[in-house]
Amino acid sequence: MDRQLKRKIAFALLMGVVTTGIISFVLLALNLGFSETFALAWLRSWGIGYVIVVPAILLIGPPLQAQIDRLIK
């Protein structure tokens, strides 16, 4: 596996953790408030979001980056 591909995968994994963690926390807090089941609901939502987002970053990221590169040049 080449270095560039490793970097893209590492980026997707870390970006997925950060973004899904923040978004799931804030949306659950706003919509449900803090209760005794909040932590479990948040972890469940975070896990589901992560499984969805990481493949999306890996699949959508490169074509989107290419479009941005074309627009900015």
C-alpha atoms as a PDB file:
ATOM      1  CA  MET A   1       0.000   0.000   0.000  1.00  0.00           C
ATOM      2  CA  ASP A   2       1.509   3.320  -0.986  1.00  0.00           C
ATOM      3  CA  ARG A   3       2.018   6.204   1.397  1.00  0.00           C
ATOM      4  CA  GLN A   4      -0.629   8.458  -0.167  1.00  0.00           C
ATOM      5  CA  LEU A   5      -3.336   5.801   0.202  1.00  0.00           C
ATOM      6  CA  LYS A   6      -2.333   5.211   3.829  1.00  0.00           C
ATOM      7  CA  ARG A   7      -2.615   8.944   4.486  1.00  0.00           C
ATOM      8  CA  LYS A   8      -6.098   9.084   2.925  1.00  0.00           C
ATOM      9  CA  ILE A   9      -7.301   6.137   4.975  1.00  0.00           C
ATOM     10  CA  ALA A  10      -5.811   7.527   8.204  1.00  0.00           C
ATOM     11  CA  PHE A  11      -7.407  10.909   7.478  1.00  0.00           C
ATOM     12  CA  ALA A  12     -10.821   9.331   6.843  1.00  0.00           C
ATOM     13  CA  LEU A  13     -10.637   7.295  10.050  1.00  0.00           C
ATOM     14  CA  LEU A  14      -9.630  10.250  12.226  1.00  0.00           C
ATOM     15  CA  MET A  15     -11.937  12.748  10.546  1.00  0.00           C
ATOM     16  CA  GLY A  16     -14.770  10.267  10.931  1.00  0.00           C
ATOM     17  CA  VAL A  17     -14.157   9.927  14.679  1.00  0.00           C
ATOM     18  CA  VAL A  18     -14.038  13.675  15.239  1.00  0.00           C
ATOM     19  CA  THR A  19     -16.945  14.747  13.047  1.00  0.00           C
ATOM     20  CA  THR A  20     -19.364  11.977  13.962  1.00  0.00           C
ATOM     21  CA  GLY A  21     -18.524  12.358  17.643  1.00  0.00           C
ATOM     22  CA  ILE A  22     -19.188  16.098  17.675  1.00  0.00           C
ATOM     23  CA  ILE A  23     -22.277  16.023  15.482  1.00  0.00           C
ATOM     24  CA  SER A  24     -23.929  13.083  17.223  1.00  0.00           C
ATOM     25  CA  PHE A  25     -23.258  14.618  20.653  1.00  0.00           C
ATOM     26  CA  VAL A  26     -24.644  18.039  19.774  1.00  0.00           C
ATOM     27  CA  LEU A  27     -27.715  16.773  17.915  1.00  0.00           C
ATOM     28  CA  LEU A  28     -28.657  14.316  20.649  1.00  0.00           C
ATOM     29  CA  ALA A  29     -28.149  16.973  23.320  1.00  0.00           C
ATOM     30  CA  LEU A  30     -30.306  19.457  21.418  1.00  0.00           C
ATOM     31  CA  ASN A  31     -33.060  17.028  20.473  1.00  0.00           C
ATOM     32  CA  LEU A  32     -33.230  14.752  23.519  1.00  0.00           C
ATOM     33  CA  GLY A  33     -31.431  16.635  26.251  1.00  0.00           C
ATOM     34  CA  PHE A  34     -29.243  15.009  28.859  1.00  0.00           C
ATOM     35  CA  SER A  35     -30.801  12.037  30.589  1.00  0.00           C
ATOM     36  CA  GLU A  36     -29.575   8.890  32.214  1.00  0.00           C
ATOM     37  CA  THR A  37     -29.624   7.120  28.847  1.00  0.00           C
ATOM     38  CA  PHE A  38     -27.786   9.908  26.999  1.00  0.00           C
ATOM     39  CA  ALA A  39     -24.326   8.311  27.047  1.00  0.00           C
ATOM     40  CA  LEU A  40     -25.558   4.991  25.662  1.00  0.00           C
ATOM     41  CA  ALA A  41     -27.679   6.682  22.990  1.00  0.00           C
ATOM     42  CA  TRP A  42     -24.746   8.906  22.047  1.00  0.00           C
ATOM     43  CA  LEU A  43     -22.298   6.018  21.735  1.00  0.00           C
ATOM     44  CA  ARG A  44     -24.799   4.070  19.625  1.00  0.00           C
ATOM     45  CA  SER A  45     -25.446   7.050  17.342  1.00  0.00           C
ATOM     46  CA  TRP A  46     -21.734   7.778  17.132  1.00  0.00           C
ATOM     47  CA  GLY A  47     -20.976   4.207  16.085  1.00  0.00           C
ATOM     48  CA  ILE A  48     -23.672   4.165  13.415  1.00  0.00           C
ATOM     49  CA  GLY A  49     -22.566   7.548  12.088  1.00  0.00           C
ATOM     50  CA  TYR A  50     -18.939   6.449  11.988  1.00  0.00           C
ATOM     51  CA  VAL A  51     -19.723   3.313   9.984  1.00  0.00           C
ATOM     52  CA  ILE A  52     -21.588   5.462   7.456  1.00  0.00           C
ATOM     53  CA  VAL A  53     -19.188   8.418   7.268  1.00  0.00           C
ATOM     54  CA  VAL A  54     -15.806   6.716   6.855  1.00  0.00           C
ATOM     55  CA  PRO A  55     -16.721   4.913   3.610  1.00  0.00           C
ATOM     56  CA  ALA A  56     -18.419   8.100   2.406  1.00  0.00           C
ATOM     57  CA  ILE A  57     -15.231  10.109   3.033  1.00  0.00           C
ATOM     58  CA  LEU A  58     -13.170   7.496   1.181  1.00  0.00           C
ATOM     59  CA  LEU A  59     -15.584   7.279  -1.772  1.00  0.00           C
ATOM     60  CA  ILE A  60     -16.790  10.872  -2.088  1.00  0.00           C
ATOM     61  CA  GLY A  61     -13.603  12.627  -0.979  1.00  0.00           C
ATOM     62  CA  PRO A  62     -11.397  12.064  -4.044  1.00  0.00           C
ATOM     63  CA  PRO A  63     -13.957  13.135  -6.685  1.00  0.00           C
ATOM     64  CA  LEU A  64     -14.956  16.117  -4.568  1.00  0.00           C
ATOM     65  CA  GLN A  65     -11.305  17.113  -4.125  1.00  0.00           C
ATOM     66  CA  ALA A  66     -10.806  16.864  -7.899  1.00  0.00           C
ATOM     67  CA  GLN A  67     -13.812  19.149  -8.503  1.00  0.00           C
ATOM     68  CA  ILE A  68     -12.490  21.679  -5.998  1.00  0.00           C
ATOM     69  CA  ASP A  69      -9.040  21.561  -7.590  1.00  0.00           C
ATOM     70  CA  ARG A  70     -10.615  22.272 -10.996  1.00  0.00           C
ATOM     71  CA  LEU A  71     -12.656  25.174  -9.643  1.00  0.00           C
ATOM     72  CA  ILE A  72      -9.767  26.824  -7.826  1.00  0.00           C
ATOM     73  CA  LYS A  73      -7.215  26.564 -10.671  1.00  0.00           C
END
